[in-house]
Amino acid sequence: MVKQFGLPNYVIWLFGGIAFVAVGTISVFHWTYGLATFILTTGVAFAGYWFFFRPAFVALDIARKGEPAMAIILQVWETGRTVNDNPRIKLLLEIRHSTMVPYEVEVRQNIAKDDMRLYQPGRTLQVKVDSRNPRKVAILAA
């Protein structure tokens, strides 16, 4: 089981609201502004995808197609950000893969408040590593 990135509902409503207001405002002036409306709405939708949804899709792809490895937690930081009232932490991991020399990588992870005790220095985790870019790592369920 892979922990997925949980996008807050207010972000979805924010992007929808911006698109709705933009379409409404431009269409009030005249229907010939349809191209500008389309470009603006497309730009807002693309930005929403690129910054909020794409990282989750990349992590899921790595979790499905990545190569299994082991990671040792070296350090844990709280980033001060929360998603649905759950903390987002930064982990410094030492990745140990069968075909590579051990290396360190920093990963940001959303976790449940109750799972904070599971992410302590010295603990080992099962991860999957992207074969094209070993710096991209997906943590499997703790």
C-alpha atoms as a PDB file:
ATOM      1  CA  MET A   1       0.000   0.000   0.000  1.00  0.00           C
ATOM      2  CA  VAL A   2       1.346   3.395  -0.987  1.00  0.00           C
ATOM      3  CA  LYS A   3       0.631   6.531   0.969  1.00  0.00           C
ATOM      4  CA  GLN A   4      -0.806   8.975  -1.485  1.00  0.00           C
ATOM      5  CA  PHE A   5      -0.538  12.711  -1.642  1.00  0.00           C
ATOM      6  CA  GLY A   6      -3.766  14.141  -0.266  1.00  0.00           C
ATOM      7  CA  LEU A   7      -4.721  17.356  -2.013  1.00  0.00           C
ATOM      8  CA  PRO A   8      -6.743  19.654   0.283  1.00  0.00           C
ATOM      9  CA  ASN A   9     -10.275  20.279  -0.933  1.00  0.00           C
ATOM     10  CA  TYR A  10      -9.823  24.039  -0.739  1.00  0.00           C
ATOM     11  CA  VAL A  11      -7.133  23.895  -3.452  1.00  0.00           C
ATOM     12  CA  ILE A  12      -9.503  22.167  -5.865  1.00  0.00           C
ATOM     13  CA  TRP A  13     -12.231  24.699  -5.095  1.00  0.00           C
ATOM     14  CA  LEU A  14      -9.721  27.547  -5.440  1.00  0.00           C
ATOM     15  CA  PHE A  15      -8.706  26.522  -8.952  1.00  0.00           C
ATOM     16  CA  GLY A  16     -12.323  25.887  -9.926  1.00  0.00           C
ATOM     17  CA  GLY A  17     -13.348  29.268  -8.552  1.00  0.00           C
ATOM     18  CA  ILE A  18     -10.579  31.111 -10.371  1.00  0.00           C
ATOM     19  CA  ALA A  19     -11.524  29.431 -13.636  1.00  0.00           C
ATOM     20  CA  PHE A  20     -15.230  30.160 -13.102  1.00  0.00           C
ATOM     21  CA  VAL A  21     -14.658  33.839 -12.288  1.00  0.00           C
ATOM     22  CA  ALA A  22     -12.297  34.246 -15.247  1.00  0.00           C
ATOM     23  CA  VAL A  23     -14.739  32.651 -17.674  1.00  0.00           C
ATOM     24  CA  GLY A  24     -17.651  34.663 -16.318  1.00  0.00           C
ATOM     25  CA  THR A  25     -15.793  37.967 -16.348  1.00  0.00           C
ATOM     26  CA  ILE A  26     -14.456  37.592 -19.863  1.00  0.00           C
ATOM     27  CA  SER A  27     -17.719  36.291 -21.310  1.00  0.00           C
ATOM     28  CA  VAL A  28     -19.616  39.286 -19.896  1.00  0.00           C
ATOM     29  CA  PHE A  29     -17.605  41.631 -22.112  1.00  0.00           C
ATOM     30  CA  HIS A  30     -18.221  39.874 -25.408  1.00  0.00           C
ATOM     31  CA  TRP A  31     -18.308  36.404 -26.896  1.00  0.00           C
ATOM     32  CA  THR A  32     -15.284  37.172 -29.114  1.00  0.00           C
ATOM     33  CA  TYR A  33     -13.084  36.846 -26.060  1.00  0.00           C
ATOM     34  CA  GLY A  34     -13.670  33.083 -26.132  1.00  0.00           C
ATOM     35  CA  LEU A  35     -10.067  32.372 -27.171  1.00  0.00           C
ATOM     36  CA  ALA A  36      -8.697  34.414 -24.260  1.00  0.00           C
ATOM     37  CA  THR A  37     -11.084  32.599 -21.924  1.00  0.00           C
ATOM     38  CA  PHE A  38      -9.953  29.243 -23.235  1.00  0.00           C
ATOM     39  CA  ILE A  39      -6.255  30.134 -22.888  1.00  0.00           C
ATOM     40  CA  LEU A  40      -6.701  31.502 -19.358  1.00  0.00           C
ATOM     41  CA  THR A  41      -8.738  28.514 -18.186  1.00  0.00           C
ATOM     42  CA  THR A  42      -6.296  26.084 -19.787  1.00  0.00           C
ATOM     43  CA  GLY A  43      -3.357  27.848 -18.123  1.00  0.00           C
ATOM     44  CA  VAL A  44      -4.976  27.700 -14.683  1.00  0.00           C
ATOM     45  CA  ALA A  45      -5.857  24.024 -15.146  1.00  0.00           C
ATOM     46  CA  PHE A  46      -2.325  23.179 -16.327  1.00  0.00           C
ATOM     47  CA  ALA A  47      -0.737  24.996 -13.370  1.00  0.00           C
ATOM     48  CA  GLY A  48      -3.025  23.126 -10.989  1.00  0.00           C
ATOM     49  CA  TYR A  49      -2.056  19.805 -12.532  1.00  0.00           C
ATOM     50  CA  TRP A  50       1.668  20.574 -12.698  1.00  0.00           C
ATOM     51  CA  PHE A  51       2.089  21.783  -9.120  1.00  0.00           C
ATOM     52  CA  PHE A  52      -0.477  19.687  -7.239  1.00  0.00           C
ATOM     53  CA  PHE A  53      -1.387  16.488  -9.067  1.00  0.00           C
ATOM     54  CA  ARG A  54       1.772  15.632 -11.038  1.00  0.00           C
ATOM     55  CA  PRO A  55       3.952  14.907  -7.957  1.00  0.00           C
ATOM     56  CA  ALA A  56       1.371  12.393  -6.750  1.00  0.00           C
ATOM     57  CA  PHE A  57       1.219  10.705 -10.145  1.00  0.00           C
ATOM     58  CA  VAL A  58       5.023  10.493 -10.316  1.00  0.00           C
ATOM     59  CA  ALA A  59       5.174   8.916  -6.841  1.00  0.00           C
ATOM     60  CA  LEU A  60       2.499   6.374  -7.758  1.00  0.00           C
ATOM     61  CA  ASP A  61       4.340   5.511 -10.964  1.00  0.00           C
ATOM     62  CA  ILE A  62       7.578   4.937  -9.053  1.00  0.00           C
ATOM     63  CA  ALA A  63       5.730   2.807  -6.496  1.00  0.00           C
ATOM     64  CA  ARG A  64       4.343   0.617  -9.282  1.00  0.00           C
ATOM     65  CA  LYS A  65       7.317   0.391 -11.644  1.00  0.00           C
ATOM     66  CA  GLY A  66      10.305   1.179  -9.418  1.00  0.00           C
ATOM     67  CA  GLU A  67      12.995  -1.179  -8.240  1.00  0.00           C
ATOM     68  CA  PRO A  68      12.719  -2.363  -4.615  1.00  0.00           C
ATOM     69  CA  ALA A  69      15.326  -1.140  -2.149  1.00  0.00           C
ATOM     70  CA  MET A  70      15.822  -0.578   1.563  1.00  0.00           C
ATOM     71  CA  ALA A  71      16.158   2.827   3.206  1.00  0.00           C
ATOM     72  CA  ILE A  72      17.458   3.777   6.622  1.00  0.00           C
ATOM     73  CA  ILE A  73      16.098   6.960   8.175  1.00  0.00           C
ATOM     74  CA  LEU A  74      19.008   9.214   9.127  1.00  0.00           C
ATOM     75  CA  GLN A  75      17.125  12.386  10.095  1.00  0.00           C
ATOM     76  CA  VAL A  76      13.532  13.582  10.363  1.00  0.00           C
ATOM     77  CA  TRP A  77      12.266  17.184  10.192  1.00  0.00           C
ATOM     78  CA  GLU A  78       8.810  18.645  10.383  1.00  0.00           C
ATOM     79  CA  THR A  79       8.290  21.068   7.530  1.00  0.00           C
ATOM     80  CA  GLY A  80       5.552  23.007   9.305  1.00  0.00           C
ATOM     81  CA  ARG A  81       3.058  22.234   6.538  1.00  0.00           C
ATOM     82  CA  THR A  82      -0.025  20.102   6.943  1.00  0.00           C
ATOM     83  CA  VAL A  83      -2.361  18.358   4.525  1.00  0.00           C
ATOM     84  CA  ASN A  84      -5.821  17.619   5.949  1.00  0.00           C
ATOM     85  CA  ASP A  85      -4.423  18.296   9.447  1.00  0.00           C
ATOM     86  CA  ASN A  86      -1.677  15.675   8.961  1.00  0.00           C
ATOM     87  CA  PRO A  87       1.972  16.769   9.087  1.00  0.00           C
ATOM     88  CA  ARG A  88       4.325  16.824   6.115  1.00  0.00           C
ATOM     89  CA  ILE A  89       7.818  15.725   7.122  1.00  0.00           C
ATOM     90  CA  LYS A  90      11.176  15.706   5.416  1.00  0.00           C
ATOM     91  CA  LEU A  91      13.309  12.585   5.725  1.00  0.00           C
ATOM     92  CA  LEU A  92      16.996  12.125   5.037  1.00  0.00           C
ATOM     93  CA  LEU A  93      17.296   8.527   3.872  1.00  0.00           C
ATOM     94  CA  GLU A  94      20.245   6.296   3.112  1.00  0.00           C
ATOM     95  CA  ILE A  95      19.159   4.160   0.175  1.00  0.00           C
ATOM     96  CA  ARG A  96      20.629   0.676  -0.101  1.00  0.00           C
ATOM     97  CA  HIS A  97      20.002  -0.871  -3.481  1.00  0.00           C
ATOM     98  CA  SER A  98      21.448  -4.202  -4.615  1.00  0.00           C
ATOM     99  CA  THR A  99      23.129  -2.741  -7.721  1.00  0.00           C
ATOM    100  CA  MET A 100      24.243   0.664  -6.375  1.00  0.00           C
ATOM    101  CA  VAL A 101      26.529   2.102  -3.758  1.00  0.00           C
ATOM    102  CA  PRO A 102      24.517   3.384  -0.754  1.00  0.00           C
ATOM    103  CA  TYR A 103      23.548   7.030  -1.181  1.00  0.00           C
ATOM    104  CA  GLU A 104      21.530   9.682   0.641  1.00  0.00           C
ATOM    105  CA  VAL A 105      18.372  11.364  -0.560  1.00  0.00           C
ATOM    106  CA  GLU A 106      15.847  13.795   0.969  1.00  0.00           C
ATOM    107  CA  VAL A 107      12.165  12.921   0.666  1.00  0.00           C
ATOM    108  CA  ARG A 108       9.046  14.813   1.701  1.00  0.00           C
ATOM    109  CA  GLN A 109       6.222  12.618   2.966  1.00  0.00           C
ATOM    110  CA  ASN A 110       2.696  13.253   4.206  1.00  0.00           C
ATOM    111  CA  ILE A 111       1.904  11.069   7.195  1.00  0.00           C
ATOM    112  CA  ALA A 112      -0.913  10.593   9.666  1.00  0.00           C
ATOM    113  CA  LYS A 113      -0.395  12.124  13.111  1.00  0.00           C
ATOM    114  CA  ASP A 114      -0.566   8.676  14.666  1.00  0.00           C
ATOM    115  CA  ASP A 115       2.243   7.406  12.400  1.00  0.00           C
ATOM    116  CA  MET A 116       4.821   9.984  13.569  1.00  0.00           C
ATOM    117  CA  ARG A 117       6.329   7.435  15.941  1.00  0.00           C
ATOM    118  CA  LEU A 118       7.036   5.111  12.981  1.00  0.00           C
ATOM    119  CA  TYR A 119       9.391   7.612  11.350  1.00  0.00           C
ATOM    120  CA  GLN A 120      12.340   7.759  13.726  1.00  0.00           C
ATOM    121  CA  PRO A 121      16.083   7.835  12.918  1.00  0.00           C
ATOM    122  CA  GLY A 122      17.567   4.358  12.563  1.00  0.00           C
ATOM    123  CA  ARG A 123      14.380   2.700  11.327  1.00  0.00           C
ATOM    124  CA  THR A 124      14.417   0.867   8.011  1.00  0.00           C
ATOM    125  CA  LEU A 125      11.773   1.363   5.357  1.00  0.00           C
ATOM    126  CA  GLN A 126      10.876  -0.442   2.164  1.00  0.00           C
ATOM    127  CA  VAL A 127      11.128   1.909  -0.806  1.00  0.00           C
ATOM    128  CA  LYS A 128      11.046   1.789  -4.563  1.00  0.00           C
ATOM    129  CA  VAL A 129      13.625   3.653  -6.618  1.00  0.00           C
ATOM    130  CA  ASP A 130      13.106   5.083 -10.100  1.00  0.00           C
ATOM    131  CA  SER A 131      15.428   3.213 -12.459  1.00  0.00           C
ATOM    132  CA  ARG A 132      15.991   6.334 -14.610  1.00  0.00           C
ATOM    133  CA  ASN A 133      16.660   8.724 -11.719  1.00  0.00           C
ATOM    134  CA  PRO A 134      17.736   7.082  -8.433  1.00  0.00           C
ATOM    135  CA  ARG A 135      17.140  10.380  -6.580  1.00  0.00           C
ATOM    136  CA  LYS A 136      13.389   9.793  -6.983  1.00  0.00           C
ATOM    137  CA  VAL A 137      12.153   7.491  -4.252  1.00  0.00           C
ATOM    138  CA  ALA A 138       8.680   6.329  -3.214  1.00  0.00           C
ATOM    139  CA  ILE A 139       8.238   5.130   0.367  1.00  0.00           C
ATOM    140  CA  LEU A 140       6.013   2.088   0.677  1.00  0.00           C
ATOM    141  CA  ALA A 141       3.654   1.761   3.653  1.00  0.00           C
ATOM    142  CA  ALA A 142       5.503   1.906   6.964  1.00  0.00           C
END
